[in-house]
Amino acid sequence: MNRSLTTPRELEALLSSLDGIGPKRLTSCPGWTSHHLAAHIAGNYEEVLAHVQAFADHRPLERTRTWEEREQPLRELELTTLLTRIDELATATTRIERACSMDSLTLNSLGRSERFASRVF
C-alpha cells in the first residue's frame, strides 16, 4: 500500500502491519479485531484533525464526538478504506500544522489542543 510522503514512520509501520494481517485478526485488545482497531484509530485522527483545524481557524471546537458517534460509521468501511483514510487524515493534519507554523500547538493526553506561548528568558 502506497503512503503519502508525510506519513510518519511509526504510522507507516502500523498501517503496513494492519494491512498485512487483514481485517479479522484478533489484537491484544480483548474482543477487538484489526478492523476494530483501524476504525478506532481513524476516529481518533478525525477528532485530532477537527481540533487542529479549529485551532488554525481561530475558533473554538464546538464539541468532541463520543466514541460511539465516531467509530460506528467507520466500522462499516473496508479495512483498506480505513487505512487510506487514516493516512489522509494524518497528512491533512500535518499540512495544516505546517501551513500555520503551529509550533505552539500541543495536543494533550485527551487529544484536545492547547496553546503554549513561547517565552524569551
PDB file of N, CA and C in Angstrom:
ATOM      1  N   MET A   1       0.844  -1.174   0.000  1.00  0.00           N
ATOM      2  CA  MET A   1       0.000   0.000   0.000  1.00  0.00           C
ATOM      3  C   MET A   1       0.891   1.240   0.000  1.00  0.00           C
ATOM      4  N   ASN A   2       0.689   2.134  -0.933  1.00  0.00           N
ATOM      5  CA  ASN A   2       1.483   3.350  -1.019  1.00  0.00           C
ATOM      6  C   ASN A   2       0.948   4.386  -0.044  1.00  0.00           C
ATOM      7  N   ARG A   3       1.865   4.982   0.694  1.00  0.00           N
ATOM      8  CA  ARG A   3       1.504   6.001   1.670  1.00  0.00           C
ATOM      9  C   ARG A   3       1.998   7.348   1.178  1.00  0.00           C
ATOM     10  N   SER A   4       1.448   8.400   1.750  1.00  0.00           N
ATOM     11  CA  SER A   4       1.885   9.737   1.385  1.00  0.00           C
ATOM     12  C   SER A   4       3.293   9.977   1.916  1.00  0.00           C
ATOM     13  N   LEU A   5       3.937  10.972   1.369  1.00  0.00           N
ATOM     14  CA  LEU A   5       5.293  11.297   1.781  1.00  0.00           C
ATOM     15  C   LEU A   5       5.350  11.894   3.178  1.00  0.00           C
ATOM     16  N   THR A   6       4.235  12.344   3.699  1.00  0.00           N
ATOM     17  CA  THR A   6       4.235  12.964   5.021  1.00  0.00           C
ATOM     18  C   THR A   6       3.856  11.995   6.141  1.00  0.00           C
ATOM     19  N   THR A   7       3.638  10.736   5.831  1.00  0.00           N
ATOM     20  CA  THR A   7       3.270   9.764   6.851  1.00  0.00           C
ATOM     21  C   THR A   7       4.474   9.464   7.742  1.00  0.00           C
ATOM     22  N   PRO A   8       4.358   9.703   9.054  1.00  0.00           N
ATOM     23  CA  PRO A   8       5.473   9.381   9.955  1.00  0.00           C
ATOM     24  C   PRO A   8       5.800   7.887   9.907  1.00  0.00           C
ATOM     25  N   ARG A   9       7.051   7.560  10.164  1.00  0.00           N
ATOM     26  CA  ARG A   9       7.483   6.160  10.087  1.00  0.00           C
ATOM     27  C   ARG A   9       6.691   5.237  10.999  1.00  0.00           C
ATOM     28  N   GLU A  10       6.376   5.707  12.211  1.00  0.00           N
ATOM     29  CA  GLU A  10       5.626   4.865  13.143  1.00  0.00           C
ATOM     30  C   GLU A  10       4.234   4.554  12.604  1.00  0.00           C
ATOM     31  N   LEU A  11       3.596   5.564  12.026  1.00  0.00           N
ATOM     32  CA  LEU A  11       2.276   5.355  11.451  1.00  0.00           C
ATOM     33  C   LEU A  11       2.368   4.462  10.227  1.00  0.00           C
ATOM     34  N   GLU A  12       3.380   4.674   9.416  1.00  0.00           N
ATOM     35  CA  GLU A  12       3.609   3.819   8.241  1.00  0.00           C
ATOM     36  C   GLU A  12       3.735   2.361   8.665  1.00  0.00           C
ATOM     37  N   ALA A  13       4.498   2.092   9.709  1.00  0.00           N
ATOM     38  CA  ALA A  13       4.676   0.718  10.192  1.00  0.00           C
ATOM     39  C   ALA A  13       3.359   0.137  10.693  1.00  0.00           C
ATOM     40  N   LEU A  14       2.589   0.931  11.427  1.00  0.00           N
ATOM     41  CA  LEU A  14       1.303   0.460  11.938  1.00  0.00           C
ATOM     42  C   LEU A  14       0.342   0.149  10.800  1.00  0.00           C
ATOM     43  N   LEU A  15       0.221   1.063   9.850  1.00  0.00           N
ATOM     44  CA  LEU A  15      -0.697   0.855   8.726  1.00  0.00           C
ATOM     45  C   LEU A  15      -0.277  -0.355   7.893  1.00  0.00           C
ATOM     46  N   SER A  16       1.018  -0.512   7.680  1.00  0.00           N
ATOM     47  CA  SER A  16       1.509  -1.663   6.921  1.00  0.00           C
ATOM     48  C   SER A  16       1.218  -2.970   7.654  1.00  0.00           C
ATOM     49  N   SER A  17       1.382  -2.953   8.968  1.00  0.00           N
ATOM     50  CA  SER A  17       1.100  -4.157   9.760  1.00  0.00           C
ATOM     51  C   SER A  17      -0.381  -4.518   9.693  1.00  0.00           C
ATOM     52  N   LEU A  18      -1.243  -3.528   9.872  1.00  0.00           N
ATOM     53  CA  LEU A  18      -2.686  -3.796   9.805  1.00  0.00           C
ATOM     54  C   LEU A  18      -3.087  -4.292   8.420  1.00  0.00           C
ATOM     55  N   ASP A  19      -2.509  -3.692   7.394  1.00  0.00           N
ATOM     56  CA  ASP A  19      -2.791  -4.110   6.027  1.00  0.00           C
ATOM     57  C   ASP A  19      -2.338  -5.549   5.799  1.00  0.00           C
ATOM     58  N   GLY A  20      -1.201  -5.891   6.359  1.00  0.00           N
ATOM     59  CA  GLY A  20      -0.633  -7.224   6.157  1.00  0.00           C
ATOM     60  C   GLY A  20      -1.372  -8.350   6.857  1.00  0.00           C
ATOM     61  N   ILE A  21      -1.982  -8.052   8.005  1.00  0.00           N
ATOM     62  CA  ILE A  21      -2.648  -9.128   8.752  1.00  0.00           C
ATOM     63  C   ILE A  21      -4.112  -9.301   8.388  1.00  0.00           C
ATOM     64  N   GLY A  22      -4.679  -8.332   7.700  1.00  0.00           N
ATOM     65  CA  GLY A  22      -6.077  -8.454   7.291  1.00  0.00           C
ATOM     66  C   GLY A  22      -7.040  -8.010   8.371  1.00  0.00           C
ATOM     67  N   PRO A  23      -8.329  -7.937   8.050  1.00  0.00           N
ATOM     68  CA  PRO A  23      -9.321  -7.334   8.938  1.00  0.00           C
ATOM     69  C   PRO A  23      -9.803  -8.195  10.110  1.00  0.00           C
ATOM     70  N   LYS A  24      -9.572  -9.493  10.088  1.00  0.00           N
ATOM     71  CA  LYS A  24     -10.189 -10.357  11.099  1.00  0.00           C
ATOM     72  C   LYS A  24      -9.233 -10.851  12.180  1.00  0.00           C
ATOM     73  N   ARG A  25      -7.990 -10.428  12.127  1.00  0.00           N
ATOM     74  CA  ARG A  25      -7.001 -10.871  13.113  1.00  0.00           C
ATOM     75  C   ARG A  25      -7.305 -10.263  14.466  1.00  0.00           C
ATOM     76  N   LEU A  26      -7.277 -11.093  15.513  1.00  0.00           N
ATOM     77  CA  LEU A  26      -7.503 -10.586  16.860  1.00  0.00           C
ATOM     78  C   LEU A  26      -6.302  -9.765  17.315  1.00  0.00           C
ATOM     79  N   THR A  27      -6.558  -8.788  18.166  1.00  0.00           N
ATOM     80  CA  THR A  27      -5.496  -7.932  18.684  1.00  0.00           C
ATOM     81  C   THR A  27      -5.348  -8.184  20.184  1.00  0.00           C
ATOM     82  N   SER A  28      -4.434  -7.462  20.811  1.00  0.00           N
ATOM     83  CA  SER A  28      -4.266  -7.600  22.259  1.00  0.00           C
ATOM     84  C   SER A  28      -5.380  -6.891  23.026  1.00  0.00           C
ATOM     85  N   CYS A  29      -6.234  -6.167  22.328  1.00  0.00           N
ATOM     86  CA  CYS A  29      -7.414  -5.558  22.947  1.00  0.00           C
ATOM     87  C   CYS A  29      -8.529  -6.608  22.935  1.00  0.00           C
ATOM     88  N   PRO A  30      -8.964  -7.079  24.105  1.00  0.00           N
ATOM     89  CA  PRO A  30      -9.947  -8.162  24.152  1.00  0.00           C
ATOM     90  C   PRO A  30     -11.187  -7.892  23.296  1.00  0.00           C
ATOM     91  N   GLY A  31     -11.474  -8.810  22.391  1.00  0.00           N
ATOM     92  CA  GLY A  31     -12.652  -8.738  21.543  1.00  0.00           C
ATOM     93  C   GLY A  31     -12.504  -7.859  20.321  1.00  0.00           C
ATOM     94  N   TRP A  32     -11.363  -7.236  20.148  1.00  0.00           N
ATOM     95  CA  TRP A  32     -11.146  -6.336  19.022  1.00  0.00           C
ATOM     96  C   TRP A  32     -10.330  -7.008  17.940  1.00  0.00           C
ATOM     97  N   THR A  33     -10.812  -6.870  16.715  1.00  0.00           N
ATOM     98  CA  THR A  33     -10.045  -7.340  15.563  1.00  0.00           C
ATOM     99  C   THR A  33      -9.187  -6.186  15.036  1.00  0.00           C
ATOM    100  N   SER A  34      -8.347  -6.495  14.073  1.00  0.00           N
ATOM    101  CA  SER A  34      -7.539  -5.449  13.449  1.00  0.00           C
ATOM    102  C   SER A  34      -8.444  -4.412  12.782  1.00  0.00           C
ATOM    103  N   HIS A  35      -9.602  -4.836  12.289  1.00  0.00           N
ATOM    104  CA  HIS A  35     -10.560  -3.897  11.695  1.00  0.00           C
ATOM    105  C   HIS A  35     -11.100  -2.930  12.737  1.00  0.00           C
ATOM    106  N   HIS A  36     -11.461  -3.445  13.937  1.00  0.00           N
ATOM    107  CA  HIS A  36     -11.928  -2.577  15.016  1.00  0.00           C
ATOM    108  C   HIS A  36     -10.855  -1.553  15.383  1.00  0.00           C
ATOM    109  N   LEU A  37      -9.619  -2.027  15.468  1.00  0.00           N
ATOM    110  CA  LEU A  37      -8.516  -1.149  15.826  1.00  0.00           C
ATOM    111  C   LEU A  37      -8.328  -0.043  14.782  1.00  0.00           C
ATOM    112  N   ALA A  38      -8.410  -0.395  13.506  1.00  0.00           N
ATOM    113  CA  ALA A  38      -8.278   0.608  12.439  1.00  0.00           C
ATOM    114  C   ALA A  38      -9.409   1.631  12.511  1.00  0.00           C
ATOM    115  N   ALA A  39     -10.633   1.187  12.798  1.00  0.00           N
ATOM    116  CA  ALA A  39     -11.762   2.121  12.929  1.00  0.00           C
ATOM    117  C   ALA A  39     -11.540   3.063  14.112  1.00  0.00           C
ATOM    118  N   HIS A  40     -11.023   2.537  15.199  1.00  0.00           N
ATOM    119  CA  HIS A  40     -10.728   3.335  16.384  1.00  0.00           C
ATOM    120  C   HIS A  40      -9.670   4.402  16.069  1.00  0.00           C
ATOM    121  N   ILE A  41      -8.613   3.997  15.398  1.00  0.00           N
ATOM    122  CA  ILE A  41      -7.541   4.926  15.046  1.00  0.00           C
ATOM    123  C   ILE A  41      -8.050   5.992  14.075  1.00  0.00           C
ATOM    124  N   ALA A  42      -8.839   5.592  13.089  1.00  0.00           N
ATOM    125  CA  ALA A  42      -9.395   6.553  12.134  1.00  0.00           C
ATOM    126  C   ALA A  42     -10.274   7.577  12.851  1.00  0.00           C
ATOM    127  N   GLY A  43     -11.077   7.119  13.800  1.00  0.00           N
ATOM    128  CA  GLY A  43     -11.921   8.032  14.567  1.00  0.00           C
ATOM    129  C   GLY A  43     -11.095   9.019  15.377  1.00  0.00           C
ATOM    130  N   ASN A  44      -9.996   8.540  15.943  1.00  0.00           N
ATOM    131  CA  ASN A  44      -9.106   9.433  16.687  1.00  0.00           C
ATOM    132  C   ASN A  44      -8.506  10.493  15.774  1.00  0.00           C
ATOM    133  N   TYR A  45      -8.047  10.060  14.598  1.00  0.00           N
ATOM    134  CA  TYR A  45      -7.463  11.014  13.655  1.00  0.00           C
ATOM    135  C   TYR A  45      -8.492  12.033  13.177  1.00  0.00           C
ATOM    136  N   GLU A  46      -9.740  11.629  13.011  1.00  0.00           N
ATOM    137  CA  GLU A  46     -10.783  12.589  12.627  1.00  0.00           C
ATOM    138  C   GLU A  46     -10.937  13.668  13.693  1.00  0.00           C
ATOM    139  N   GLU A  47     -10.926  13.253  14.960  1.00  0.00           N
ATOM    140  CA  GLU A  47     -11.085  14.216  16.045  1.00  0.00           C
ATOM    141  C   GLU A  47      -9.861  15.118  16.168  1.00  0.00           C
ATOM    142  N   VAL A  48      -8.675  14.562  16.027  1.00  0.00           N
ATOM    143  CA  VAL A  48      -7.462  15.387  16.079  1.00  0.00           C
ATOM    144  C   VAL A  48      -7.505  16.435  14.976  1.00  0.00           C
ATOM    145  N   LEU A  49      -7.867  16.020  13.763  1.00  0.00           N
ATOM    146  CA  LEU A  49      -7.958  16.970  12.659  1.00  0.00           C
ATOM    147  C   LEU A  49      -8.975  18.072  12.959  1.00  0.00           C
ATOM    148  N   ALA A  50     -10.098  17.720  13.544  1.00  0.00           N
ATOM    149  CA  ALA A  50     -11.104  18.723  13.889  1.00  0.00           C
ATOM    150  C   ALA A  50     -10.541  19.742  14.882  1.00  0.00           C
ATOM    151  N   HIS A  51      -9.761  19.272  15.853  1.00  0.00           N
ATOM    152  CA  HIS A  51      -9.152  20.167  16.837  1.00  0.00           C
ATOM    153  C   HIS A  51      -8.118  21.081  16.183  1.00  0.00           C
ATOM    154  N   VAL A  52      -7.256  20.499  15.361  1.00  0.00           N
ATOM    155  CA  VAL A  52      -6.202  21.279  14.708  1.00  0.00           C
ATOM    156  C   VAL A  52      -6.823  22.304  13.750  1.00  0.00           C
ATOM    157  N   GLN A  53      -7.845  21.898  13.021  1.00  0.00           N
ATOM    158  CA  GLN A  53      -8.498  22.816  12.089  1.00  0.00           C
ATOM    159  C   GLN A  53      -9.156  23.971  12.832  1.00  0.00           C
ATOM    160  N   ALA A  54      -9.823  23.675  13.931  1.00  0.00           N
ATOM    161  CA  ALA A  54     -10.446  24.732  14.724  1.00  0.00           C
ATOM    162  C   ALA A  54      -9.386  25.692  15.255  1.00  0.00           C
ATOM    163  N   PHE A  55      -8.288  25.161  15.737  1.00  0.00           N
ATOM    164  CA  PHE A  55      -7.195  25.985  16.235  1.00  0.00           C
ATOM    165  C   PHE A  55      -6.648  26.881  15.120  1.00  0.00           C
ATOM    166  N   ALA A  56      -6.436  26.295  13.949  1.00  0.00           N
ATOM    167  CA  ALA A  56      -5.914  27.059  12.805  1.00  0.00           C
ATOM    168  C   ALA A  56      -6.886  28.141  12.363  1.00  0.00           C
ATOM    169  N   ASP A  57      -8.182  27.886  12.512  1.00  0.00           N
ATOM    170  CA  ASP A  57      -9.212  28.856  12.120  1.00  0.00           C
ATOM    171  C   ASP A  57      -9.514  29.871  13.220  1.00  0.00           C
ATOM    172  N   HIS A  58      -8.805  29.764  14.353  1.00  0.00           N
ATOM    173  CA  HIS A  58      -9.005  30.669  15.494  1.00  0.00           C
ATOM    174  C   HIS A  58     -10.444  30.631  15.991  1.00  0.00           C
ATOM    175  N   ARG A  59     -10.973  29.436  16.065  1.00  0.00           N
ATOM    176  CA  ARG A  59     -12.339  29.286  16.567  1.00  0.00           C
ATOM    177  C   ARG A  59     -12.372  28.143  17.576  1.00  0.00           C
ATOM    178  N   PRO A  60     -13.288  28.201  18.513  1.00  0.00           N
ATOM    179  CA  PRO A  60     -13.389  27.093  19.466  1.00  0.00           C
ATOM    180  C   PRO A  60     -13.991  25.855  18.797  1.00  0.00           C
ATOM    181  N   LEU A  61     -13.595  24.721  19.272  1.00  0.00           N
ATOM    182  CA  LEU A  61     -14.209  23.482  18.811  1.00  0.00           C
ATOM    183  C   LEU A  61     -15.539  23.339  19.533  1.00  0.00           C
ATOM    184  N   GLU A  62     -16.595  23.133  18.763  1.00  0.00           N
ATOM    185  CA  GLU A  62     -17.926  23.077  19.375  1.00  0.00           C
ATOM    186  C   GLU A  62     -18.081  21.903  20.328  1.00  0.00           C
ATOM    187  N   ARG A  63     -17.613  20.738  19.907  1.00  0.00           N
ATOM    188  CA  ARG A  63     -17.700  19.560  20.776  1.00  0.00           C
ATOM    189  C   ARG A  63     -16.838  18.445  20.214  1.00  0.00           C
ATOM    190  N   THR A  64     -16.493  17.517  21.072  1.00  0.00           N
ATOM    191  CA  THR A  64     -15.785  16.319  20.653  1.00  0.00           C
ATOM    192  C   THR A  64     -16.803  15.186  20.617  1.00  0.00           C
ATOM    193  N   ARG A  65     -16.831  14.469  19.516  1.00  0.00           N
ATOM    194  CA  ARG A  65     -17.800  13.367  19.396  1.00  0.00           C
ATOM    195  C   ARG A  65     -17.442  12.220  20.341  1.00  0.00           C
ATOM    196  N   THR A  66     -18.453  11.469  20.736  1.00  0.00           N
ATOM    197  CA  THR A  66     -18.236  10.306  21.589  1.00  0.00           C
ATOM    198  C   THR A  66     -17.619   9.184  20.762  1.00  0.00           C
ATOM    199  N   TRP A  67     -17.084   8.178  21.448  1.00  0.00           N
ATOM    200  CA  TRP A  67     -16.506   7.018  20.750  1.00  0.00           C
ATOM    201  C   TRP A  67     -17.536   6.371  19.840  1.00  0.00           C
ATOM    202  N   GLU A  68     -18.744   6.224  20.347  1.00  0.00           N
ATOM    203  CA  GLU A  68     -19.795   5.572  19.566  1.00  0.00           C
ATOM    204  C   GLU A  68     -20.119   6.365  18.297  1.00  0.00           C
ATOM    205  N   GLU A  69     -20.201   7.684  18.432  1.00  0.00           N
ATOM    206  CA  GLU A  69     -20.507   8.528  17.275  1.00  0.00           C
ATOM    207  C   GLU A  69     -19.444   8.426  16.191  1.00  0.00           C
ATOM    208  N   ARG A  70     -18.189   8.422  16.607  1.00  0.00           N
ATOM    209  CA  ARG A  70     -17.134   8.460  15.592  1.00  0.00           C
ATOM    210  C   ARG A  70     -16.775   7.087  15.049  1.00  0.00           C
ATOM    211  N   GLU A  71     -16.887   6.041  15.853  1.00  0.00           N
ATOM    212  CA  GLU A  71     -16.410   4.740  15.404  1.00  0.00           C
ATOM    213  C   GLU A  71     -17.443   3.899  14.665  1.00  0.00           C
ATOM    214  N   GLN A  72     -18.690   3.989  15.038  1.00  0.00           N
ATOM    215  CA  GLN A  72     -19.698   3.122  14.419  1.00  0.00           C
ATOM    216  C   GLN A  72     -19.732   3.245  12.894  1.00  0.00           C
ATOM    217  N   PRO A  73     -19.790   4.441  12.319  1.00  0.00           N
ATOM    218  CA  PRO A  73     -19.804   4.525  10.850  1.00  0.00           C
ATOM    219  C   PRO A  73     -18.503   4.010  10.229  1.00  0.00           C
ATOM    220  N   LEU A  74     -17.403   4.176  10.942  1.00  0.00           N
ATOM    221  CA  LEU A  74     -16.117   3.722  10.414  1.00  0.00           C
ATOM    222  C   LEU A  74     -16.013   2.197  10.396  1.00  0.00           C
ATOM    223  N   ARG A  75     -16.657   1.549  11.339  1.00  0.00           N
ATOM    224  CA  ARG A  75     -16.620   0.079  11.382  1.00  0.00           C
ATOM    225  C   ARG A  75     -17.299  -0.550  10.173  1.00  0.00           C
ATOM    226  N   GLU A  76     -18.115   0.212   9.485  1.00  0.00           N
ATOM    227  CA  GLU A  76     -18.795  -0.306   8.295  1.00  0.00           C
ATOM    228  C   GLU A  76     -17.911  -0.251   7.049  1.00  0.00           C
ATOM    229  N   LEU A  77     -16.775   0.425   7.127  1.00  0.00           N
ATOM    230  CA  LEU A  77     -15.873   0.549   5.985  1.00  0.00           C
ATOM    231  C   LEU A  77     -14.921  -0.635   5.889  1.00  0.00           C
ATOM    232  N   GLU A  78     -14.437  -0.905   4.689  1.00  0.00           N
ATOM    233  CA  GLU A  78     -13.440  -1.953   4.474  1.00  0.00           C
ATOM    234  C   GLU A  78     -12.126  -1.533   5.130  1.00  0.00           C
ATOM    235  N   LEU A  79     -11.311  -2.503   5.520  1.00  0.00           N
ATOM    236  CA  LEU A  79     -10.036  -2.213   6.165  1.00  0.00           C
ATOM    237  C   LEU A  79      -9.153  -1.337   5.290  1.00  0.00           C
ATOM    238  N   THR A  80      -9.030  -1.657   4.015  1.00  0.00           N
ATOM    239  CA  THR A  80      -8.161  -0.852   3.145  1.00  0.00           C
ATOM    240  C   THR A  80      -8.656   0.590   3.049  1.00  0.00           C
ATOM    241  N   THR A  81      -9.953   0.788   3.078  1.00  0.00           N
ATOM    242  CA  THR A  81     -10.522   2.134   3.066  1.00  0.00           C
ATOM    243  C   THR A  81     -10.161   2.877   4.350  1.00  0.00           C
ATOM    244  N   LEU A  82     -10.238   2.178   5.474  1.00  0.00           N
ATOM    245  CA  LEU A  82      -9.872   2.786   6.755  1.00  0.00           C
ATOM    246  C   LEU A  82      -8.403   3.188   6.782  1.00  0.00           C
ATOM    247  N   LEU A  83      -7.540   2.322   6.288  1.00  0.00           N
ATOM    248  CA  LEU A  83      -6.110   2.614   6.298  1.00  0.00           C
ATOM    249  C   LEU A  83      -5.785   3.816   5.423  1.00  0.00           C
ATOM    250  N   THR A  84      -6.433   3.894   4.281  1.00  0.00           N
ATOM    251  CA  THR A  84      -6.252   5.056   3.407  1.00  0.00           C
ATOM    252  C   THR A  84      -6.762   6.306   4.101  1.00  0.00           C
ATOM    253  N   ARG A  85      -7.883   6.190   4.769  1.00  0.00           N
ATOM    254  CA  ARG A  85      -8.478   7.332   5.485  1.00  0.00           C
ATOM    255  C   ARG A  85      -7.543   7.825   6.586  1.00  0.00           C
ATOM    256  N   ILE A  86      -6.961   6.914   7.345  1.00  0.00           N
ATOM    257  CA  ILE A  86      -6.028   7.296   8.403  1.00  0.00           C
ATOM    258  C   ILE A  86      -4.863   8.076   7.808  1.00  0.00           C
ATOM    259  N   ASP A  87      -4.309   7.574   6.724  1.00  0.00           N
ATOM    260  CA  ASP A  87      -3.186   8.238   6.063  1.00  0.00           C
ATOM    261  C   ASP A  87      -3.586   9.635   5.583  1.00  0.00           C
ATOM    262  N   GLU A  88      -4.761   9.747   4.991  1.00  0.00           N
ATOM    263  CA  GLU A  88      -5.240  11.051   4.503  1.00  0.00           C
ATOM    264  C   GLU A  88      -5.451  12.040   5.649  1.00  0.00           C
ATOM    265  N   LEU A  89      -6.013  11.565   6.750  1.00  0.00           N
ATOM    266  CA  LEU A  89      -6.252  12.428   7.903  1.00  0.00           C
ATOM    267  C   LEU A  89      -4.940  12.892   8.529  1.00  0.00           C
ATOM    268  N   ALA A  90      -3.984  11.987   8.634  1.00  0.00           N
ATOM    269  CA  ALA A  90      -2.672  12.347   9.175  1.00  0.00           C
ATOM    270  C   ALA A  90      -1.989  13.378   8.280  1.00  0.00           C
ATOM    271  N   THR A  91      -2.083  13.182   6.980  1.00  0.00           N
ATOM    272  CA  THR A  91      -1.488  14.121   6.026  1.00  0.00           C
ATOM    273  C   THR A  91      -2.156  15.483   6.114  1.00  0.00           C
ATOM    274  N   ALA A  92      -3.483  15.511   6.199  1.00  0.00           N
ATOM    275  CA  ALA A  92      -4.210  16.776   6.298  1.00  0.00           C
ATOM    276  C   ALA A  92      -3.830  17.524   7.572  1.00  0.00           C
ATOM    277  N   THR A  93      -3.711  16.809   8.668  1.00  0.00           N
ATOM    278  CA  THR A  93      -3.330  17.424   9.937  1.00  0.00           C
ATOM    279  C   THR A  93      -1.935  18.027   9.838  1.00  0.00           C
ATOM    280  N   THR A  94      -1.010  17.279   9.262  1.00  0.00           N
ATOM    281  CA  THR A  94       0.368  17.750   9.104  1.00  0.00           C
ATOM    282  C   THR A  94       0.421  18.994   8.224  1.00  0.00           C
ATOM    283  N   ARG A  95      -0.334  18.995   7.145  1.00  0.00           N
ATOM    284  CA  ARG A  95      -0.351  20.162   6.246  1.00  0.00           C
ATOM    285  C   ARG A  95      -0.847  21.420   6.959  1.00  0.00           C
ATOM    286  N   ILE A  96      -1.898  21.273   7.741  1.00  0.00           N
ATOM    287  CA  ILE A  96      -2.429  22.427   8.468  1.00  0.00           C
ATOM    288  C   ILE A  96      -1.403  22.922   9.481  1.00  0.00           C
ATOM    289  N   GLU A  97      -0.799  21.986  10.216  1.00  0.00           N
ATOM    290  CA  GLU A  97       0.212  22.373  11.195  1.00  0.00           C
ATOM    291  C   GLU A  97       1.352  23.138  10.534  1.00  0.00           C
ATOM    292  N   ARG A  98       1.833  22.633   9.410  1.00  0.00           N
ATOM    293  CA  ARG A  98       2.935  23.289   8.707  1.00  0.00           C
ATOM    294  C   ARG A  98       2.519  24.642   8.145  1.00  0.00           C
ATOM    295  N   ALA A  99       1.338  24.719   7.582  1.00  0.00           N
ATOM    296  CA  ALA A  99       0.868  25.974   6.985  1.00  0.00           C
ATOM    297  C   ALA A  99       0.707  27.070   8.032  1.00  0.00           C
ATOM    298  N   CYS A 100       0.358  26.686   9.230  1.00  0.00           N
ATOM    299  CA  CYS A 100       0.120  27.663  10.285  1.00  0.00           C
ATOM    300  C   CYS A 100       1.323  27.848  11.193  1.00  0.00           C
ATOM    301  N   SER A 101       2.407  27.119  10.911  1.00  0.00           N
ATOM    302  CA  SER A 101       3.577  27.173  11.793  1.00  0.00           C
ATOM    303  C   SER A 101       3.139  26.985  13.234  1.00  0.00           C
ATOM    304  N   MET A 102       2.486  25.883  13.475  1.00  0.00           N
ATOM    305  CA  MET A 102       1.869  25.644  14.780  1.00  0.00           C
ATOM    306  C   MET A 102       2.854  25.071  15.784  1.00  0.00           C
ATOM    307  N   ASP A 103       4.008  25.711  15.922  1.00  0.00           N
ATOM    308  CA  ASP A 103       4.990  25.248  16.889  1.00  0.00           C
ATOM    309  C   ASP A 103       4.448  25.317  18.305  1.00  0.00           C
ATOM    310  N   SER A 104       3.504  26.199  18.536  1.00  0.00           N
ATOM    311  CA  SER A 104       2.962  26.356  19.880  1.00  0.00           C
ATOM    312  C   SER A 104       1.771  25.444  20.140  1.00  0.00           C
ATOM    313  N   LEU A 105       1.429  24.591  19.175  1.00  0.00           N
ATOM    314  CA  LEU A 105       0.293  23.695  19.354  1.00  0.00           C
ATOM    315  C   LEU A 105       0.759  22.379  19.942  1.00  0.00           C
ATOM    316  N   THR A 106       0.127  21.971  21.015  1.00  0.00           N
ATOM    317  CA  THR A 106       0.393  20.677  21.611  1.00  0.00           C
ATOM    318  C   THR A 106      -0.953  20.027  21.874  1.00  0.00           C
ATOM    319  N   LEU A 107      -1.053  18.738  21.573  1.00  0.00           N
ATOM    320  CA  LEU A 107      -2.286  18.022  21.895  1.00  0.00           C
ATOM    321  C   LEU A 107      -2.073  17.326  23.230  1.00  0.00           C
ATOM    322  N   ASN A 108      -2.975  17.577  24.172  1.00  0.00           N
ATOM    323  CA  ASN A 108      -2.820  16.944  25.470  1.00  0.00           C
ATOM    324  C   ASN A 108      -3.244  15.486  25.397  1.00  0.00           C
ATOM    325  N   SER A 109      -3.201  14.778  26.504  1.00  0.00           N
ATOM    326  CA  SER A 109      -3.457  13.339  26.516  1.00  0.00           C
ATOM    327  C   SER A 109      -4.872  12.981  26.077  1.00  0.00           C
ATOM    328  N   LEU A 110      -5.782  13.929  26.075  1.00  0.00           N
ATOM    329  CA  LEU A 110      -7.140  13.667  25.632  1.00  0.00           C
ATOM    330  C   LEU A 110      -7.350  14.059  24.183  1.00  0.00           C
ATOM    331  N   GLY A 111      -6.271  14.517  23.514  1.00  0.00           N
ATOM    332  CA  GLY A 111      -6.376  14.923  22.131  1.00  0.00           C
ATOM    333  C   GLY A 111      -6.893  16.342  21.970  1.00  0.00           C
ATOM    334  N   ARG A 112      -7.036  17.054  23.067  1.00  0.00           N
ATOM    335  CA  ARG A 112      -7.513  18.435  22.984  1.00  0.00           C
ATOM    336  C   ARG A 112      -6.327  19.356  22.747  1.00  0.00           C
ATOM    337  N   SER A 113      -6.544  20.361  21.932  1.00  0.00           N
ATOM    338  CA  SER A 113      -5.445  21.273  21.622  1.00  0.00           C
ATOM    339  C   SER A 113      -5.262  22.296  22.730  1.00  0.00           C
ATOM    340  N   GLU A 114      -4.011  22.571  23.008  1.00  0.00           N
ATOM    341  CA  GLU A 114      -3.660  23.592  23.969  1.00  0.00           C
ATOM    342  C   GLU A 114      -2.581  24.447  23.343  1.00  0.00           C
ATOM    343  N   ARG A 115      -2.609  25.711  23.612  1.00  0.00           N
ATOM    344  CA  ARG A 115      -1.600  26.599  23.054  1.00  0.00           C
ATOM    345  C   ARG A 115      -0.690  27.075  24.168  1.00  0.00           C
ATOM    346  N   PHE A 116       0.591  26.925  23.935  1.00  0.00           N
ATOM    347  CA  PHE A 116       1.582  27.368  24.889  1.00  0.00           C
ATOM    348  C   PHE A 116       2.373  28.489  24.254  1.00  0.00           C
ATOM    349  N   ALA A 117       2.392  29.640  24.907  1.00  0.00           N
ATOM    350  CA  ALA A 117       3.123  30.789  24.378  1.00  0.00           C
ATOM    351  C   ALA A 117       4.621  30.558  24.537  1.00  0.00           C
ATOM    352  N   SER A 118       5.372  30.975  23.535  1.00  0.00           N
ATOM    353  CA  SER A 118       6.819  30.906  23.616  1.00  0.00           C
ATOM    354  C   SER A 118       7.285  32.011  24.553  1.00  0.00           C
ATOM    355  N   ARG A 119       8.257  31.692  25.374  1.00  0.00           N
ATOM    356  CA  ARG A 119       8.800  32.687  26.304  1.00  0.00           C
ATOM    357  C   ARG A 119      10.249  32.948  25.962  1.00  0.00           C
ATOM    358  N   VAL A 120      10.633  34.176  26.080  1.00  0.00           N
ATOM    359  CA  VAL A 120      12.025  34.536  25.887  1.00  0.00           C
ATOM    360  C   VAL A 120      12.569  34.912  27.274  1.00  0.00           C
ATOM    361  N   PHE A 121      13.609  34.217  27.686  1.00  0.00           N
ATOM    362  CA  PHE A 121      14.202  34.491  29.003  1.00  0.00           C
ATOM    363  C   PHE A 121      15.517  35.189  28.847  1.00  0.00           C
TER     364      PHE A 121
END
